[in-house]
Amino acid sequence: MPTPSAPIRWRAYEHEHVERTRDWYWALGIFAACTALISAIFGNVLFALLILIAAATLGIHAKSPPPLVEFELSDRGIRVGETMHRYEEIISFWVEDHDANPPVLLVDTIKWLSPNLVIPLPDIDPKLVRAFLAERAEETPMKEPVWHKILEFFGL
């Protein structure tokens, strides 16, 4: 049974914001328009509309900076913003502090919609986070999910 302790709180951005140039938006628009046109030529107008809507959504999302999120490790679980991930829902965790800058907390959960959490640890000691969670969940070596690296590559 872990000993009750004071919660650990910090604030960080969901992801690193990358400013886009006008060329990036032009490339997105041209690619979306060409793909939608090809789709319409092949008779799939609904897919063409979906491509245009997705490109517009991607452009709007890329323009807005990420929100500043509050994270908390407590005796109840890991809170990300308003969402609480109880320790019963957590399969394992790993603090990646060697290859990542800033260090990140990787959490594997049983949740269907958010099975993997990648939580930045910019202004907090990774050893403190590791010690706190080691009493409450299993520590298993993990790597950052491929989908997260792909989204980071595109700056999303």
N, C-alpha and C. Protein backbone atom coordinates (compact mmCIF):
# COMPACT_ATOMS: atom_id res chain seq x y z
N MET A 1 0.84 -1.18 0.00
CA MET A 1 0.00 0.00 0.00
C MET A 1 0.89 1.25 0.00
N PRO A 2 0.73 2.13 -0.99
CA PRO A 2 1.56 3.33 -1.04
C PRO A 2 1.19 4.28 0.08
N THR A 3 2.19 5.00 0.53
CA THR A 3 1.95 5.98 1.58
C THR A 3 1.34 7.23 0.97
N PRO A 4 0.34 7.83 1.64
CA PRO A 4 -0.26 9.05 1.12
C PRO A 4 0.79 10.17 1.08
N SER A 5 0.77 10.92 0.02
CA SER A 5 1.73 12.01 -0.10
C SER A 5 1.09 13.18 -0.82
N ALA A 6 1.77 14.31 -0.78
CA ALA A 6 1.26 15.52 -1.42
C ALA A 6 1.26 15.34 -2.93
N PRO A 7 0.25 15.85 -3.61
CA PRO A 7 0.21 15.73 -5.07
C PRO A 7 1.34 16.53 -5.72
N ILE A 8 1.73 16.08 -6.88
CA ILE A 8 2.73 16.77 -7.69
C ILE A 8 1.98 17.43 -8.84
N ARG A 9 2.13 18.75 -8.97
CA ARG A 9 1.40 19.49 -10.01
C ARG A 9 2.39 20.27 -10.88
N TRP A 10 2.06 20.36 -12.17
CA TRP A 10 2.82 21.21 -13.08
C TRP A 10 1.96 21.55 -14.27
N ARG A 11 2.39 22.56 -15.01
CA ARG A 11 1.67 22.99 -16.20
C ARG A 11 2.61 22.89 -17.39
N ALA A 12 2.07 22.47 -18.52
CA ALA A 12 2.86 22.35 -19.74
C ALA A 12 1.92 22.43 -20.94
N TYR A 13 2.50 22.73 -22.08
CA TYR A 13 1.72 22.72 -23.31
C TYR A 13 1.52 21.29 -23.77
N GLU A 14 0.38 21.02 -24.41
CA GLU A 14 0.10 19.68 -24.91
C GLU A 14 1.18 19.19 -25.86
N HIS A 15 1.63 20.07 -26.71
CA HIS A 15 2.68 19.73 -27.67
C HIS A 15 3.41 21.01 -28.03
N GLU A 16 4.53 20.87 -28.69
CA GLU A 16 5.31 22.03 -29.11
C GLU A 16 4.66 22.66 -30.33
N HIS A 17 4.41 23.95 -30.27
CA HIS A 17 3.77 24.65 -31.38
C HIS A 17 4.81 25.05 -32.41
N VAL A 18 4.54 24.72 -33.66
CA VAL A 18 5.43 25.08 -34.77
C VAL A 18 4.70 26.10 -35.63
N GLU A 19 5.28 27.28 -35.77
CA GLU A 19 4.67 28.31 -36.62
C GLU A 19 4.76 27.89 -38.08
N ARG A 20 3.67 28.01 -38.79
CA ARG A 20 3.61 27.64 -40.20
C ARG A 20 3.81 28.88 -41.07
N THR A 21 4.49 28.66 -42.18
CA THR A 21 4.66 29.75 -43.14
C THR A 21 3.48 29.72 -44.12
N ARG A 22 3.39 30.78 -44.91
CA ARG A 22 2.33 30.82 -45.93
C ARG A 22 2.49 29.68 -46.92
N ASP A 23 3.75 29.32 -47.20
CA ASP A 23 4.01 28.22 -48.15
C ASP A 23 3.38 26.91 -47.68
N TRP A 24 3.42 26.66 -46.37
CA TRP A 24 2.86 25.43 -45.83
C TRP A 24 1.35 25.39 -46.09
N TYR A 25 0.68 26.53 -45.85
CA TYR A 25 -0.77 26.58 -46.09
C TYR A 25 -1.09 26.46 -47.58
N TRP A 26 -0.27 27.07 -48.43
CA TRP A 26 -0.46 26.92 -49.87
C TRP A 26 -0.31 25.47 -50.29
N ALA A 27 0.73 24.81 -49.76
CA ALA A 27 0.96 23.40 -50.11
C ALA A 27 -0.21 22.54 -49.63
N LEU A 28 -0.70 22.80 -48.43
CA LEU A 28 -1.86 22.06 -47.91
C LEU A 28 -3.07 22.26 -48.81
N GLY A 29 -3.34 23.51 -49.20
CA GLY A 29 -4.48 23.80 -50.05
C GLY A 29 -4.38 23.18 -51.42
N ILE A 30 -3.20 23.27 -52.02
CA ILE A 30 -3.00 22.68 -53.36
C ILE A 30 -3.13 21.16 -53.30
N PHE A 31 -2.52 20.54 -52.30
CA PHE A 31 -2.62 19.08 -52.16
C PHE A 31 -4.07 18.66 -51.95
N ALA A 32 -4.80 19.37 -51.07
CA ALA A 32 -6.19 19.02 -50.80
C ALA A 32 -7.06 19.22 -52.04
N ALA A 33 -6.84 20.33 -52.75
CA ALA A 33 -7.65 20.60 -53.94
C ALA A 33 -7.39 19.56 -55.03
N CYS A 34 -6.12 19.21 -55.24
CA CYS A 34 -5.80 18.20 -56.27
C CYS A 34 -6.37 16.83 -55.91
N THR A 35 -6.23 16.45 -54.66
CA THR A 35 -6.74 15.16 -54.21
C THR A 35 -8.27 15.13 -54.30
N ALA A 36 -8.91 16.23 -53.91
CA ALA A 36 -10.37 16.29 -53.99
C ALA A 36 -10.83 16.27 -55.46
N LEU A 37 -10.11 16.94 -56.32
CA LEU A 37 -10.45 16.95 -57.75
C LEU A 37 -10.33 15.54 -58.34
N ILE A 38 -9.26 14.85 -58.02
CA ILE A 38 -9.08 13.47 -58.51
C ILE A 38 -10.21 12.57 -57.99
N SER A 39 -10.55 12.76 -56.73
CA SER A 39 -11.63 11.97 -56.14
C SER A 39 -12.96 12.25 -56.84
N ALA A 40 -13.23 13.53 -57.15
CA ALA A 40 -14.47 13.89 -57.84
C ALA A 40 -14.49 13.34 -59.27
N ILE A 41 -13.34 13.36 -59.93
CA ILE A 41 -13.26 12.81 -61.30
C ILE A 41 -13.60 11.33 -61.31
N PHE A 42 -13.15 10.62 -60.27
CA PHE A 42 -13.46 9.19 -60.17
C PHE A 42 -14.85 8.94 -59.61
N GLY A 43 -15.65 9.98 -59.41
CA GLY A 43 -17.04 9.83 -59.02
C GLY A 43 -17.30 9.74 -57.53
N ASN A 44 -16.30 10.04 -56.73
CA ASN A 44 -16.49 9.97 -55.28
C ASN A 44 -16.52 11.39 -54.71
N VAL A 45 -17.64 12.07 -54.90
CA VAL A 45 -17.80 13.46 -54.49
C VAL A 45 -17.80 13.58 -52.96
N LEU A 46 -18.40 12.62 -52.29
CA LEU A 46 -18.44 12.67 -50.83
C LEU A 46 -17.03 12.63 -50.23
N PHE A 47 -16.17 11.79 -50.79
CA PHE A 47 -14.79 11.72 -50.32
C PHE A 47 -14.05 13.03 -50.63
N ALA A 48 -14.35 13.64 -51.77
CA ALA A 48 -13.75 14.93 -52.12
C ALA A 48 -14.13 16.00 -51.09
N LEU A 49 -15.39 16.02 -50.70
CA LEU A 49 -15.82 16.97 -49.67
C LEU A 49 -15.14 16.68 -48.33
N LEU A 50 -15.01 15.42 -48.00
CA LEU A 50 -14.34 15.03 -46.76
C LEU A 50 -12.88 15.50 -46.75
N ILE A 51 -12.20 15.38 -47.87
CA ILE A 51 -10.81 15.83 -47.98
C ILE A 51 -10.72 17.35 -47.77
N LEU A 52 -11.62 18.09 -48.38
CA LEU A 52 -11.60 19.55 -48.23
C LEU A 52 -11.90 19.98 -46.80
N ILE A 53 -12.85 19.32 -46.17
CA ILE A 53 -13.18 19.63 -44.77
C ILE A 53 -12.01 19.28 -43.85
N ALA A 54 -11.39 18.13 -44.11
CA ALA A 54 -10.25 17.72 -43.29
C ALA A 54 -9.08 18.69 -43.45
N ALA A 55 -8.82 19.15 -44.67
CA ALA A 55 -7.72 20.10 -44.90
C ALA A 55 -8.01 21.43 -44.21
N ALA A 56 -9.25 21.89 -44.28
CA ALA A 56 -9.60 23.14 -43.60
C ALA A 56 -9.44 23.00 -42.09
N THR A 57 -9.88 21.88 -41.55
CA THR A 57 -9.74 21.62 -40.12
C THR A 57 -8.27 21.55 -39.73
N LEU A 58 -7.46 20.89 -40.52
CA LEU A 58 -6.03 20.79 -40.25
C LEU A 58 -5.37 22.17 -40.29
N GLY A 59 -5.74 23.00 -41.24
CA GLY A 59 -5.20 24.35 -41.32
C GLY A 59 -5.56 25.19 -40.12
N ILE A 60 -6.81 25.10 -39.67
CA ILE A 60 -7.24 25.85 -38.49
C ILE A 60 -6.52 25.34 -37.25
N HIS A 61 -6.40 24.03 -37.13
CA HIS A 61 -5.72 23.44 -35.97
C HIS A 61 -4.23 23.81 -35.94
N ALA A 62 -3.59 23.83 -37.10
CA ALA A 62 -2.16 24.16 -37.16
C ALA A 62 -1.90 25.62 -36.82
N LYS A 63 -2.87 26.47 -37.06
CA LYS A 63 -2.71 27.90 -36.79
C LYS A 63 -2.83 28.24 -35.31
N SER A 64 -3.67 27.51 -34.59
CA SER A 64 -3.91 27.84 -33.18
C SER A 64 -2.85 27.20 -32.28
N PRO A 65 -2.35 27.97 -31.31
CA PRO A 65 -1.34 27.41 -30.39
C PRO A 65 -1.98 26.41 -29.43
N PRO A 66 -1.19 25.45 -28.92
CA PRO A 66 -1.76 24.45 -28.02
C PRO A 66 -2.12 25.07 -26.67
N PRO A 67 -3.12 24.52 -26.00
CA PRO A 67 -3.48 25.06 -24.69
C PRO A 67 -2.47 24.66 -23.62
N LEU A 68 -2.38 25.46 -22.59
CA LEU A 68 -1.56 25.15 -21.43
C LEU A 68 -2.40 24.26 -20.52
N VAL A 69 -1.91 23.04 -20.28
CA VAL A 69 -2.67 22.03 -19.55
C VAL A 69 -2.05 21.83 -18.17
N GLU A 70 -2.89 21.64 -17.17
CA GLU A 70 -2.41 21.36 -15.83
C GLU A 70 -2.40 19.85 -15.62
N PHE A 71 -1.28 19.34 -15.14
CA PHE A 71 -1.11 17.91 -14.85
C PHE A 71 -0.96 17.75 -13.35
N GLU A 72 -1.43 16.60 -12.86
CA GLU A 72 -1.32 16.33 -11.42
C GLU A 72 -1.16 14.84 -11.18
N LEU A 73 -0.20 14.49 -10.33
CA LEU A 73 -0.05 13.13 -9.84
C LEU A 73 -0.52 13.15 -8.40
N SER A 74 -1.53 12.35 -8.10
CA SER A 74 -2.06 12.31 -6.74
C SER A 74 -2.28 10.86 -6.33
N ASP A 75 -2.79 10.67 -5.13
CA ASP A 75 -3.07 9.32 -4.65
C ASP A 75 -4.22 8.67 -5.41
N ARG A 76 -5.05 9.47 -6.07
CA ARG A 76 -6.19 8.95 -6.84
C ARG A 76 -5.79 8.50 -8.24
N GLY A 77 -4.82 9.21 -8.85
CA GLY A 77 -4.42 8.89 -10.21
C GLY A 77 -3.67 10.02 -10.86
N ILE A 78 -3.66 10.00 -12.19
CA ILE A 78 -2.99 11.02 -12.99
C ILE A 78 -4.07 11.88 -13.63
N ARG A 79 -4.04 13.17 -13.34
CA ARG A 79 -5.02 14.08 -13.92
C ARG A 79 -4.36 14.87 -15.04
N VAL A 80 -5.01 14.84 -16.21
CA VAL A 80 -4.57 15.60 -17.37
C VAL A 80 -5.70 16.57 -17.70
N GLY A 81 -5.50 17.83 -17.38
CA GLY A 81 -6.58 18.81 -17.56
C GLY A 81 -7.72 18.47 -16.62
N GLU A 82 -8.88 18.17 -17.16
CA GLU A 82 -10.05 17.80 -16.36
C GLU A 82 -10.26 16.30 -16.29
N THR A 83 -9.45 15.52 -16.99
CA THR A 83 -9.63 14.08 -17.07
C THR A 83 -8.75 13.37 -16.04
N MET A 84 -9.35 12.54 -15.23
CA MET A 84 -8.62 11.77 -14.22
C MET A 84 -8.43 10.34 -14.73
N HIS A 85 -7.19 9.89 -14.73
CA HIS A 85 -6.86 8.51 -15.09
C HIS A 85 -6.49 7.80 -13.79
N ARG A 86 -7.43 7.03 -13.26
CA ARG A 86 -7.20 6.34 -11.98
C ARG A 86 -6.16 5.24 -12.15
N TYR A 87 -5.49 4.90 -11.05
CA TYR A 87 -4.43 3.89 -11.11
C TYR A 87 -4.97 2.52 -11.51
N GLU A 88 -6.26 2.26 -11.28
CA GLU A 88 -6.86 1.00 -11.70
C GLU A 88 -6.91 0.89 -13.22
N GLU A 89 -6.90 2.04 -13.92
CA GLU A 89 -6.97 2.08 -15.37
C GLU A 89 -5.58 2.09 -16.02
N ILE A 90 -4.54 2.24 -15.21
CA ILE A 90 -3.19 2.35 -15.73
C ILE A 90 -2.52 0.98 -15.74
N ILE A 91 -2.04 0.57 -16.90
CA ILE A 91 -1.34 -0.71 -17.04
C ILE A 91 0.10 -0.55 -16.58
N SER A 92 0.79 0.46 -17.12
CA SER A 92 2.18 0.70 -16.77
C SER A 92 2.56 2.13 -17.15
N PHE A 93 3.76 2.52 -16.71
CA PHE A 93 4.28 3.84 -17.03
C PHE A 93 5.77 3.74 -17.30
N TRP A 94 6.32 4.79 -17.88
CA TRP A 94 7.75 4.89 -18.10
C TRP A 94 8.12 6.37 -18.20
N VAL A 95 9.17 6.77 -17.53
CA VAL A 95 9.66 8.13 -17.62
C VAL A 95 10.85 8.13 -18.57
N GLU A 96 10.68 8.76 -19.72
CA GLU A 96 11.74 8.83 -20.74
C GLU A 96 12.50 10.13 -20.52
N ASP A 97 13.65 10.03 -19.86
CA ASP A 97 14.41 11.24 -19.57
C ASP A 97 15.79 11.26 -20.22
N HIS A 98 16.14 10.23 -20.96
CA HIS A 98 17.45 10.21 -21.60
C HIS A 98 17.39 10.69 -23.05
N ASP A 99 16.46 10.17 -23.83
CA ASP A 99 16.39 10.50 -25.25
C ASP A 99 15.43 11.64 -25.56
N ALA A 100 14.62 12.03 -24.61
CA ALA A 100 13.61 13.05 -24.87
C ALA A 100 14.02 14.38 -24.28
N ASN A 101 13.74 15.44 -25.01
CA ASN A 101 13.98 16.78 -24.49
C ASN A 101 12.79 17.64 -24.83
N PRO A 102 11.95 18.03 -23.91
CA PRO A 102 12.02 17.75 -22.48
C PRO A 102 11.65 16.29 -22.18
N PRO A 103 11.94 15.84 -20.97
CA PRO A 103 11.56 14.48 -20.59
C PRO A 103 10.04 14.30 -20.68
N VAL A 104 9.62 13.06 -20.93
CA VAL A 104 8.18 12.78 -21.04
C VAL A 104 7.82 11.59 -20.16
N LEU A 105 6.58 11.62 -19.72
CA LEU A 105 6.00 10.50 -18.98
C LEU A 105 5.11 9.75 -19.95
N LEU A 106 5.40 8.47 -20.16
CA LEU A 106 4.60 7.62 -21.04
C LEU A 106 3.73 6.74 -20.17
N VAL A 107 2.43 6.74 -20.42
CA VAL A 107 1.49 5.98 -19.61
C VAL A 107 0.64 5.12 -20.54
N ASP A 108 0.56 3.84 -20.23
CA ASP A 108 -0.27 2.89 -20.98
C ASP A 108 -1.51 2.61 -20.15
N THR A 109 -2.69 2.88 -20.72
CA THR A 109 -3.94 2.70 -19.98
C THR A 109 -4.83 1.67 -20.67
N ILE A 110 -5.91 1.29 -19.97
CA ILE A 110 -6.87 0.37 -20.54
C ILE A 110 -7.98 1.09 -21.31
N LYS A 111 -7.93 2.42 -21.33
CA LYS A 111 -8.96 3.20 -22.00
C LYS A 111 -8.88 3.01 -23.50
N TRP A 112 -10.04 2.93 -24.12
CA TRP A 112 -10.11 2.66 -25.55
C TRP A 112 -9.75 3.88 -26.38
N LEU A 113 -10.25 5.05 -26.00
CA LEU A 113 -10.01 6.25 -26.80
C LEU A 113 -8.66 6.90 -26.53
N SER A 114 -8.09 6.70 -25.36
CA SER A 114 -6.77 7.26 -25.07
C SER A 114 -5.90 6.20 -24.41
N PRO A 115 -5.46 5.20 -25.19
CA PRO A 115 -4.70 4.10 -24.59
C PRO A 115 -3.29 4.49 -24.18
N ASN A 116 -2.69 5.46 -24.85
CA ASN A 116 -1.33 5.88 -24.54
C ASN A 116 -1.31 7.37 -24.26
N LEU A 117 -0.74 7.74 -23.13
CA LEU A 117 -0.60 9.15 -22.79
C LEU A 117 0.87 9.52 -22.91
N VAL A 118 1.14 10.65 -23.53
CA VAL A 118 2.49 11.20 -23.61
C VAL A 118 2.43 12.56 -22.92
N ILE A 119 2.99 12.63 -21.72
CA ILE A 119 2.87 13.81 -20.88
C ILE A 119 4.24 14.47 -20.76
N PRO A 120 4.38 15.73 -21.20
CA PRO A 120 5.67 16.41 -21.10
C PRO A 120 6.01 16.76 -19.64
N LEU A 121 7.29 16.68 -19.31
CA LEU A 121 7.77 17.02 -17.97
C LEU A 121 8.82 18.13 -18.09
N PRO A 122 8.42 19.35 -18.49
CA PRO A 122 9.42 20.38 -18.78
C PRO A 122 10.11 20.96 -17.54
N ASP A 123 9.36 21.25 -16.50
CA ASP A 123 9.93 21.95 -15.33
C ASP A 123 9.87 21.12 -14.07
N ILE A 124 9.90 19.82 -14.19
CA ILE A 124 9.76 18.97 -13.02
C ILE A 124 10.82 17.87 -13.07
N ASP A 125 11.28 17.45 -11.91
CA ASP A 125 12.33 16.43 -11.83
C ASP A 125 11.75 15.06 -12.23
N PRO A 126 12.27 14.44 -13.29
CA PRO A 126 11.75 13.14 -13.72
C PRO A 126 11.94 12.05 -12.65
N LYS A 127 12.98 12.16 -11.85
CA LYS A 127 13.21 11.18 -10.79
C LYS A 127 12.11 11.24 -9.73
N LEU A 128 11.62 12.43 -9.44
CA LEU A 128 10.52 12.60 -8.49
C LEU A 128 9.25 11.95 -9.02
N VAL A 129 8.98 12.15 -10.31
CA VAL A 129 7.79 11.55 -10.94
C VAL A 129 7.91 10.03 -10.92
N ARG A 130 9.09 9.52 -11.28
CA ARG A 130 9.31 8.07 -11.30
C ARG A 130 9.13 7.48 -9.90
N ALA A 131 9.69 8.11 -8.88
CA ALA A 131 9.56 7.60 -7.52
C ALA A 131 8.11 7.62 -7.05
N PHE A 132 7.37 8.66 -7.40
CA PHE A 132 5.97 8.78 -6.99
C PHE A 132 5.13 7.68 -7.64
N LEU A 133 5.32 7.47 -8.94
CA LEU A 133 4.50 6.49 -9.66
C LEU A 133 4.93 5.05 -9.39
N ALA A 134 6.19 4.83 -9.06
CA ALA A 134 6.68 3.47 -8.82
C ALA A 134 5.96 2.81 -7.65
N GLU A 135 5.48 3.59 -6.71
CA GLU A 135 4.73 3.06 -5.57
C GLU A 135 3.30 2.70 -5.94
N ARG A 136 2.81 3.21 -7.08
CA ARG A 136 1.39 3.08 -7.40
C ARG A 136 1.08 2.32 -8.68
N ALA A 137 2.07 2.16 -9.55
CA ALA A 137 1.85 1.47 -10.83
C ALA A 137 3.12 0.74 -11.23
N GLU A 138 2.97 -0.13 -12.21
CA GLU A 138 4.12 -0.91 -12.68
C GLU A 138 4.94 -0.09 -13.67
N GLU A 139 6.25 -0.12 -13.48
CA GLU A 139 7.15 0.59 -14.39
C GLU A 139 7.67 -0.39 -15.44
N THR A 140 7.37 -0.10 -16.69
CA THR A 140 7.76 -0.96 -17.81
C THR A 140 8.41 -0.10 -18.88
N PRO A 141 9.58 -0.48 -19.39
CA PRO A 141 10.20 0.32 -20.46
C PRO A 141 9.28 0.41 -21.68
N MET A 142 9.10 1.63 -22.16
CA MET A 142 8.25 1.90 -23.32
C MET A 142 8.94 2.90 -24.22
N LYS A 143 8.49 2.95 -25.43
CA LYS A 143 8.93 3.96 -26.38
C LYS A 143 7.72 4.83 -26.72
N GLU A 144 8.00 6.03 -27.16
CA GLU A 144 6.94 6.93 -27.58
C GLU A 144 6.20 6.30 -28.77
N PRO A 145 4.86 6.33 -28.78
CA PRO A 145 4.12 5.70 -29.89
C PRO A 145 4.49 6.32 -31.24
N VAL A 146 4.46 5.49 -32.27
CA VAL A 146 4.82 5.93 -33.62
C VAL A 146 3.88 7.03 -34.10
N TRP A 147 2.58 6.89 -33.81
CA TRP A 147 1.62 7.90 -34.25
C TRP A 147 1.95 9.25 -33.64
N HIS A 148 2.46 9.27 -32.41
CA HIS A 148 2.80 10.53 -31.76
C HIS A 148 4.01 11.17 -32.44
N LYS A 149 4.97 10.35 -32.81
CA LYS A 149 6.15 10.87 -33.51
C LYS A 149 5.78 11.40 -34.88
N ILE A 150 4.84 10.75 -35.56
CA ILE A 150 4.39 11.23 -36.86
C ILE A 150 3.69 12.57 -36.72
N LEU A 151 2.84 12.71 -35.72
CA LEU A 151 2.16 13.98 -35.49
C LEU A 151 3.16 15.08 -35.13
N GLU A 152 4.17 14.74 -34.33
CA GLU A 152 5.22 15.72 -34.00
C GLU A 152 6.00 16.13 -35.25
N PHE A 153 6.25 15.17 -36.14
CA PHE A 153 6.97 15.47 -37.37
C PHE A 153 6.22 16.50 -38.19
N PHE A 154 4.90 16.38 -38.26
CA PHE A 154 4.08 17.32 -38.99
C PHE A 154 3.72 18.55 -38.16
N GLY A 155 4.18 18.58 -36.91
CA GLY A 155 3.96 19.74 -36.07
C GLY A 155 2.55 19.85 -35.52
N LEU A 156 1.89 18.73 -35.33
CA LEU A 156 0.51 18.75 -34.82
C LEU A 156 0.43 18.20 -33.43
